[in-house]
PDB file of N, CA and C in Angstrom:
ATOM      1  N   MET A   1      79.096 121.285-143.043  1.00  0.00           N
ATOM      2  CA  MET A   1      80.120 121.867-142.190  1.00  0.00           C
ATOM      3  C   MET A   1      79.454 122.404-140.921  1.00  0.00           C
ATOM      4  N   SER A   2      79.885 121.921-139.762  1.00  0.00           N
ATOM      5  CA  SER A   2      79.289 122.359-138.505  1.00  0.00           C
ATOM      6  C   SER A   2      80.183 123.387-137.820  1.00  0.00           C
ATOM      7  N   ALA A   3      79.537 124.277-137.103  1.00  0.00           N
ATOM      8  CA  ALA A   3      80.273 125.289-136.351  1.00  0.00           C
ATOM      9  C   ALA A   3      80.846 124.659-135.086  1.00  0.00           C
ATOM     10  N   LYS A   4      81.985 125.174-134.657  1.00  0.00           N
ATOM     11  CA  LYS A   4      82.593 124.664-133.425  1.00  0.00           C
ATOM     12  C   LYS A   4      81.789 125.155-132.226  1.00  0.00           C
ATOM     13  N   PRO A   5      81.664 124.313-131.210  1.00  0.00           N
ATOM     14  CA  PRO A   5      80.945 124.760-130.016  1.00  0.00           C
ATOM     15  C   PRO A   5      81.720 125.871-129.303  1.00  0.00           C
ATOM     16  N   PRO A   6      81.015 126.747-128.594  1.00  0.00           N
ATOM     17  CA  PRO A   6      81.684 127.849-127.886  1.00  0.00           C
ATOM     18  C   PRO A   6      82.758 127.382-126.909  1.00  0.00           C
ATOM     19  N   SER A   7      82.604 126.189-126.360  1.00  0.00           N
ATOM     20  CA  SER A   7      83.585 125.708-125.384  1.00  0.00           C
ATOM     21  C   SER A   7      84.955 125.474-126.014  1.00  0.00           C
ATOM     22  N   THR A   8      85.010 125.315-127.331  1.00  0.00           N
ATOM     23  CA  THR A   8      86.291 125.099-128.006  1.00  0.00           C
ATOM     24  C   THR A   8      87.227 126.274-127.768  1.00  0.00           C
ATOM     25  N   SER A   9      86.738 127.488-127.959  1.00  0.00           N
ATOM     26  CA  SER A   9      87.605 128.657-127.759  1.00  0.00           C
ATOM     27  C   SER A   9      87.919 128.866-126.284  1.00  0.00           C
ATOM     28  N   LEU A  10      86.979 128.535-125.409  1.00  0.00           N
ATOM     29  CA  LEU A  10      87.255 128.649-123.971  1.00  0.00           C
ATOM     30  C   LEU A  10      88.359 127.692-123.549  1.00  0.00           C
ATOM     31  N   ARG A  11      88.283 126.473-124.048  1.00  0.00           N
ATOM     32  CA  ARG A  11      89.329 125.486-123.717  1.00  0.00           C
ATOM     33  C   ARG A  11      90.679 125.935-124.258  1.00  0.00           C
ATOM     34  N   ALA A  12      90.711 126.476-125.470  1.00  0.00           N
ATOM     35  CA  ALA A  12      91.972 126.941-126.058  1.00  0.00           C
ATOM     36  C   ALA A  12      92.576 128.071-125.226  1.00  0.00           C
ATOM     37  N   ARG A  13      91.747 128.999-124.799  1.00  0.00           N
ATOM     38  CA  ARG A  13      92.256 130.112-123.990  1.00  0.00           C
ATOM     39  C   ARG A  13      92.761 129.624-122.640  1.00  0.00           C
ATOM     40  N   LEU A  14      92.068 128.672-122.067  1.00  0.00           N
ATOM     41  CA  LEU A  14      92.489 128.144-120.774  1.00  0.00           C
ATOM     42  C   LEU A  14      93.777 127.345-120.891  1.00  0.00           C
ATOM     43  N   ARG A  15      93.926 126.566-121.970  1.00  0.00           N
ATOM     44  CA  ARG A  15      95.197 125.847-122.186  1.00  0.00           C
ATOM     45  C   ARG A  15      96.355 126.835-122.281  1.00  0.00           C
ATOM     46  N   MET A  16      96.147 127.932-122.989  1.00  0.00           N
ATOM     47  CA  MET A  16      97.194 128.947-123.134  1.00  0.00           C
ATOM     48  C   MET A  16      97.546 129.563-121.771  1.00  0.00           C
ATOM     49  N   GLN A  17      96.530 129.864-120.974  1.00  0.00           N
ATOM     50  CA  GLN A  17      96.782 130.444-119.653  1.00  0.00           C
ATOM     51  C   GLN A  17      97.546 129.476-118.753  1.00  0.00           C
ATOM     52  N   ILE A  18      97.211 128.205-118.826  1.00  0.00           N
ATOM     53  CA  ILE A  18      97.917 127.202-118.028  1.00  0.00           C
ATOM     54  C   ILE A  18      99.370 127.103-118.467  1.00  0.00           C
ATOM     55  N   ARG A  19      99.617 127.057-119.769  1.00  0.00           N
ATOM     56  CA  ARG A  19     101.007 126.994-120.263  1.00  0.00           C
ATOM     57  C   ARG A  19     101.782 128.242-119.851  1.00  0.00           C
ATOM     58  N   ASP A  20     101.152 129.412-119.934  1.00  0.00           N
ATOM     59  CA  ASP A  20     101.815 130.656-119.519  1.00  0.00           C
ATOM     60  C   ASP A  20     102.137 130.634-118.024  1.00  0.00           C
ATOM     61  N   ARG A  21     101.228 130.094-117.223  1.00  0.00           N
ATOM     62  CA  ARG A  21     101.463 130.029-115.771  1.00  0.00           C
ATOM     63  C   ARG A  21     102.608 129.077-115.451  1.00  0.00           C
ATOM     64  N   ILE A  22     102.674 127.950-116.153  1.00  0.00           N
ATOM     65  CA  ILE A  22     103.780 127.000-115.950  1.00  0.00           C
ATOM     66  C   ILE A  22     105.109 127.682-116.270  1.00  0.00           C
ATOM     67  N   LYS A  23     105.124 128.431-117.359  1.00  0.00           N
ATOM     68  CA  LYS A  23     106.349 129.146-117.746  1.00  0.00           C
ATOM     69  C   LYS A  23     106.718 130.170-116.673  1.00  0.00           C
ATOM     70  N   HIS A  24     105.728 130.893-116.173  1.00  0.00           N
ATOM     71  CA  HIS A  24     105.969 131.901-115.140  1.00  0.00           C
ATOM     72  C   HIS A  24     106.521 131.267-113.862  1.00  0.00           C
ATOM     73  N   LEU A  25     105.994 130.104-113.509  1.00  0.00           N
ATOM     74  CA  LEU A  25     106.449 129.413-112.300  1.00  0.00           C
ATOM     75  C   LEU A  25     107.833 128.787-112.462  1.00  0.00           C
ATOM     76  N   GLN A  26     108.284 128.670-113.706  1.00  0.00           N
ATOM     77  CA  GLN A  26     109.593 128.088-114.021  1.00  0.00           C
ATOM     78  C   GLN A  26     109.730 126.688-113.422  1.00  0.00           C
ATOM     79  N   ILE A  27     108.725 125.854-113.688  1.00  0.00           N
ATOM     80  CA  ILE A  27     108.766 124.475-113.222  1.00  0.00           C
ATOM     81  C   ILE A  27     108.896 123.546-114.424  1.00  0.00           C
ATOM     82  N   THR A  28     109.405 122.372-114.164  1.00  0.00           N
ATOM     83  CA  THR A  28     109.582 121.398-115.241  1.00  0.00           C
ATOM     84  C   THR A  28     108.229 120.805-115.630  1.00  0.00           C
ATOM     85  N   ASP A  29     108.205 120.138-116.782  1.00  0.00           N
ATOM     86  CA  ASP A  29     106.981 119.471-117.205  1.00  0.00           C
ATOM     87  C   ASP A  29     106.568 118.396-116.212  1.00  0.00           C
ATOM     88  N   ALA A  30     107.532 117.702-115.634  1.00  0.00           N
ATOM     89  CA  ALA A  30     107.208 116.674-114.643  1.00  0.00           C
ATOM     90  C   ALA A  30     106.570 117.302-113.404  1.00  0.00           C
ATOM     91  N   GLN A  31     107.115 118.408-112.954  1.00  0.00           N
ATOM     92  CA  GLN A  31     106.544 119.104-111.796  1.00  0.00           C
ATOM     93  C   GLN A  31     105.153 119.638-112.131  1.00  0.00           C
ATOM     94  N   ALA A  32     105.018 120.203-113.315  1.00  0.00           N
ATOM     95  CA  ALA A  32     103.723 120.741-113.739  1.00  0.00           C
ATOM     96  C   ALA A  32     102.683 119.633-113.836  1.00  0.00           C
ATOM     97  N   ALA A  33     103.052 118.514-114.424  1.00  0.00           N
ATOM     98  CA  ALA A  33     102.127 117.390-114.565  1.00  0.00           C
ATOM     99  C   ALA A  33     101.638 116.928-113.194  1.00  0.00           C
ATOM    100  N   ALA A  34     102.542 116.835-112.241  1.00  0.00           N
ATOM    101  CA  ALA A  34     102.169 116.401-110.890  1.00  0.00           C
ATOM    102  C   ALA A  34     101.197 117.397-110.255  1.00  0.00           C
ATOM    103  N   ARG A  35     101.464 118.675-110.400  1.00  0.00           N
ATOM    104  CA  ARG A  35     100.599 119.691-109.799  1.00  0.00           C
ATOM    105  C   ARG A  35      99.250 119.776-110.493  1.00  0.00           C
ATOM    106  N   LEU A  36      99.243 119.567-111.807  1.00  0.00           N
ATOM    107  CA  LEU A  36      98.001 119.650-112.571  1.00  0.00           C
ATOM    108  C   LEU A  36      97.147 118.398-112.458  1.00  0.00           C
ATOM    109  N   GLY A  37      97.767 117.294-112.058  1.00  0.00           N
ATOM    110  CA  GLY A  37      97.064 116.021-112.027  1.00  0.00           C
ATOM    111  C   GLY A  37      97.038 115.347-113.387  1.00  0.00           C
ATOM    112  N   PHE A  38      98.047 115.647-114.214  1.00  0.00           N
ATOM    113  CA  PHE A  38      98.151 115.086-115.563  1.00  0.00           C
ATOM    114  C   PHE A  38      99.227 114.015-115.596  1.00  0.00           C
ATOM    115  N   SER A  39      99.083 113.082-116.510  1.00  0.00           N
ATOM    116  CA  SER A  39     100.148 112.116-116.775  1.00  0.00           C
ATOM    117  C   SER A  39     101.191 112.807-117.652  1.00  0.00           C
ATOM    118  N   PRO A  40     102.400 112.248-117.772  1.00  0.00           N
ATOM    119  CA  PRO A  40     103.401 112.846-118.658  1.00  0.00           C
ATOM    120  C   PRO A  40     102.901 112.962-120.101  1.00  0.00           C
ATOM    121  N   SER A  41     102.161 111.968-120.579  1.00  0.00           N
ATOM    122  CA  SER A  41     101.675 112.061-121.961  1.00  0.00           C
ATOM    123  C   SER A  41     100.608 113.145-122.106  1.00  0.00           C
ATOM    124  N   GLN A  42      99.786 113.333-121.083  1.00  0.00           N
ATOM    125  CA  GLN A  42      98.806 114.421-121.132  1.00  0.00           C
ATOM    126  C   GLN A  42      99.500 115.775-121.094  1.00  0.00           C
ATOM    127  N   MET A  43     100.596 115.857-120.342  1.00  0.00           N
ATOM    128  CA  MET A  43     101.359 117.100-120.290  1.00  0.00           C
ATOM    129  C   MET A  43     101.923 117.426-121.665  1.00  0.00           C
ATOM    130  N   SER A  44     102.402 116.409-122.362  1.00  0.00           N
ATOM    131  CA  SER A  44     102.914 116.612-123.725  1.00  0.00           C
ATOM    132  C   SER A  44     101.811 117.109-124.644  1.00  0.00           C
ATOM    133  N   LYS A  45     100.622 116.579-124.474  1.00  0.00           N
ATOM    134  CA  LYS A  45      99.501 116.995-125.313  1.00  0.00           C
ATOM    135  C   LYS A  45      99.070 118.424-124.988  1.00  0.00           C
ATOM    136  N   LEU A  46      99.178 118.812-123.723  1.00  0.00           N
ATOM    137  CA  LEU A  46      98.908 120.203-123.365  1.00  0.00           C
ATOM    138  C   LEU A  46      99.925 121.113-124.032  1.00  0.00           C
ATOM    139  N   ARG A  47     101.197 120.734-123.966  1.00  0.00           N
ATOM    140  CA  ARG A  47     102.260 121.522-124.613  1.00  0.00           C
ATOM    141  C   ARG A  47     102.038 121.642-126.114  1.00  0.00           C
ATOM    142  N   ALA A  48     101.514 120.583-126.732  1.00  0.00           N
ATOM    143  CA  ALA A  48     101.271 120.582-128.187  1.00  0.00           C
ATOM    144  C   ALA A  48      99.937 121.234-128.536  1.00  0.00           C
ATOM    145  N   ASP A  49      99.241 121.754-127.535  1.00  0.00           N
ATOM    146  CA  ASP A  49      97.956 122.432-127.714  1.00  0.00           C
ATOM    147  C   ASP A  49      96.898 121.527-128.336  1.00  0.00           C
ATOM    148  N   GLN A  50      96.933 120.256-127.963  1.00  0.00           N
ATOM    149  CA  GLN A  50      95.908 119.327-128.438  1.00  0.00           C
ATOM    150  C   GLN A  50      94.651 119.488-127.589  1.00  0.00           C
ATOM    151  N   ASP A  51      93.525 119.530-128.239  1.00  0.00           N
ATOM    152  CA  ASP A  51      92.249 119.761-127.571  1.00  0.00           C
ATOM    153  C   ASP A  51      91.663 118.439-127.073  1.00  0.00           C
ATOM    154  N   ILE A  52      92.277 117.866-126.031  1.00  0.00           N
ATOM    155  CA  ILE A  52      91.822 116.570-125.515  1.00  0.00           C
ATOM    156  C   ILE A  52      91.183 116.678-124.140  1.00  0.00           C
ATOM    157  N   PHE A  53      91.280 117.830-123.502  1.00  0.00           N
ATOM    158  CA  PHE A  53      90.800 117.993-122.137  1.00  0.00           C
ATOM    159  C   PHE A  53      89.421 118.637-122.113  1.00  0.00           C
ATOM    160  N   SER A  54      88.592 118.188-121.177  1.00  0.00           N
ATOM    161  CA  SER A  54      87.290 118.822-120.997  1.00  0.00           C
ATOM    162  C   SER A  54      87.496 120.181-120.321  1.00  0.00           C
ATOM    163  N   LEU A  55      86.514 121.029-120.453  1.00  0.00           N
ATOM    164  CA  LEU A  55      86.583 122.330-119.812  1.00  0.00           C
ATOM    165  C   LEU A  55      86.682 122.173-118.297  1.00  0.00           C
ATOM    166  N   ASP A  56      85.932 121.241-117.738  1.00  0.00           N
ATOM    167  CA  ASP A  56      85.997 120.985-116.295  1.00  0.00           C
ATOM    168  C   ASP A  56      87.409 120.607-115.858  1.00  0.00           C
ATOM    169  N   ARG A  57      88.024 119.733-116.614  1.00  0.00           N
ATOM    170  CA  ARG A  57      89.380 119.265-116.265  1.00  0.00           C
ATOM    171  C   ARG A  57      90.379 120.413-116.321  1.00  0.00           C
ATOM    172  N   LEU A  58      90.255 121.275-117.328  1.00  0.00           N
ATOM    173  CA  LEU A  58      91.164 122.417-117.441  1.00  0.00           C
ATOM    174  C   LEU A  58      90.937 123.432-116.330  1.00  0.00           C
ATOM    175  N   ILE A  59      89.695 123.645-115.951  1.00  0.00           N
ATOM    176  CA  ILE A  59      89.402 124.565-114.851  1.00  0.00           C
ATOM    177  C   ILE A  59      90.036 124.055-113.560  1.00  0.00           C
ATOM    178  N   ASP A  60      89.841 122.773-113.275  1.00  0.00           N
ATOM    179  CA  ASP A  60      90.423 122.192-112.061  1.00  0.00           C
ATOM    180  C   ASP A  60      91.947 122.250-112.090  1.00  0.00           C
ATOM    181  N   ALA A  61      92.549 121.910-113.225  1.00  0.00           N
ATOM    182  CA  ALA A  61      94.009 121.925-113.346  1.00  0.00           C
ATOM    183  C   ALA A  61      94.549 123.345-113.197  1.00  0.00           C
ATOM    184  N   GLY A  62      93.911 124.290-113.849  1.00  0.00           N
ATOM    185  CA  GLY A  62      94.347 125.681-113.750  1.00  0.00           C
ATOM    186  C   GLY A  62      94.294 126.199-112.325  1.00  0.00           C
ATOM    187  N   ALA A  63      93.242 125.856-111.617  1.00  0.00           N
ATOM    188  CA  ALA A  63      93.100 126.303-110.230  1.00  0.00           C
ATOM    189  C   ALA A  63      94.220 125.755-109.354  1.00  0.00           C
ATOM    190  N   ARG A  64      94.698 124.558-109.671  1.00  0.00           N
ATOM    191  CA  ARG A  64      95.770 123.944-108.867  1.00  0.00           C
ATOM    192  C   ARG A  64      97.089 124.696-108.970  1.00  0.00           C
ATOM    193  N   ILE A  65      97.269 125.460-110.047  1.00  0.00           N
ATOM    194  CA  ILE A  65      98.531 126.207-110.190  1.00  0.00           C
ATOM    195  C   ILE A  65      98.320 127.717-110.150  1.00  0.00           C
ATOM    196  N   GLY A  66      97.145 128.136-109.734  1.00  0.00           N
ATOM    197  CA  GLY A  66      96.918 129.562-109.515  1.00  0.00           C
ATOM    198  C   GLY A  66      96.404 130.336-110.704  1.00  0.00           C
ATOM    199  N   VAL A  67      95.790 129.679-111.664  1.00  0.00           N
ATOM    200  CA  VAL A  67      95.162 130.401-112.780  1.00  0.00           C
ATOM    201  C   VAL A  67      93.778 130.820-112.300  1.00  0.00           C
ATOM    202  N   ALA A  68      93.578 132.126-112.183  1.00  0.00           N
ATOM    203  CA  ALA A  68      92.280 132.645-111.737  1.00  0.00           C
ATOM    204  C   ALA A  68      91.329 132.686-112.928  1.00  0.00           C
ATOM    205  N   MET A  69      90.104 132.266-112.676  1.00  0.00           N
ATOM    206  CA  MET A  69      89.118 132.229-113.743  1.00  0.00           C
ATOM    207  C   MET A  69      87.862 132.961-113.313  1.00  0.00           C
ATOM    208  N   ARG A  70      87.220 133.552-114.306  1.00  0.00           N
ATOM    209  CA  ARG A  70      85.951 134.219-114.056  1.00  0.00           C
ATOM    210  C   ARG A  70      85.054 133.924-115.247  1.00  0.00           C
ATOM    211  N   LEU A  71      83.841 133.542-114.977  1.00  0.00           N
ATOM    212  CA  LEU A  71      82.887 133.237-116.023  1.00  0.00           C
ATOM    213  C   LEU A  71      81.736 134.217-115.913  1.00  0.00           C
ATOM    214  N   SER A  72      81.344 134.756-117.026  1.00  0.00           N
ATOM    215  CA  SER A  72      80.174 135.624-117.022  1.00  0.00           C
ATOM    216  C   SER A  72      79.238 135.168-118.125  1.00  0.00           C
ATOM    217  N   ALA A  73      77.988 135.395-117.900  1.00  0.00           N
ATOM    218  CA  ALA A  73      76.971 135.031-118.882  1.00  0.00           C
ATOM    219  C   ALA A  73      76.124 136.263-119.152  1.00  0.00           C
ATOM    220  N   ALA A  74      75.636 136.359-120.358  1.00  0.00           N
ATOM    221  CA  ALA A  74      74.813 137.497-120.741  1.00  0.00           C
ATOM    222  C   ALA A  74      73.476 136.996-121.266  1.00  0.00           C
ATOM    223  N   ARG A  75      72.482 137.772-121.046  1.00  0.00           N
ATOM    224  CA  ARG A  75      71.162 137.454-121.563  1.00  0.00           C
ATOM    225  C   ARG A  75      71.194 137.601-123.085  1.00  0.00           C
ATOM    226  N   PRO A  76      70.597 136.677-123.805  1.00  0.00           N
ATOM    227  CA  PRO A  76      70.606 136.788-125.261  1.00  0.00           C
ATOM    228  C   PRO A  76      69.848 138.025-125.734  1.00  0.00           C
ATOM    229  N   TYR A  77      70.286 138.545-126.842  1.00  0.00           N
ATOM    230  CA  TYR A  77      69.648 139.705-127.457  1.00  0.00           C
ATOM    231  C   TYR A  77      68.243 139.331-127.888  1.00  0.00           C
ATOM    232  N   ARG A  78      67.289 140.178-127.577  1.00  0.00           N
ATOM    233  CA  ARG A  78      65.907 139.935-127.995  1.00  0.00           C
ATOM    234  C   ARG A  78      65.439 141.058-128.896  1.00  0.00           C
ATOM    235  N   ARG A  79      64.784 140.706-129.935  1.00  0.00           N
ATOM    236  CA  ARG A  79      64.204 141.710-130.823  1.00  0.00           C
ATOM    237  C   ARG A  79      62.868 142.144-130.247  1.00  0.00           C
ATOM    238  N   ARG A  80      62.576 143.406-130.365  1.00  0.00           N
ATOM    239  CA  ARG A  80      61.283 143.928-129.872  1.00  0.00           C
ATOM    240  C   ARG A  80      60.342 144.144-131.009  1.00  0.00           C
TER     241      ARG A  80
END
């Protein structure tokens, strides 16, 4: 059994933020797909929360509809 990569949870959170932004904008799926650069079938997969998009693709799509993102990195814990 392998652990999920950290990007899995980042992608899930970003998909949720994009769906919330679409709802806030009160636009149709067709309008959202056009603005996000998604096909209608990809829009359906976003709505169904399917993990098919790369993190890069979600970042670019989110930026197109005003989802602000911030990434921070921390130095790993070191034992002394």
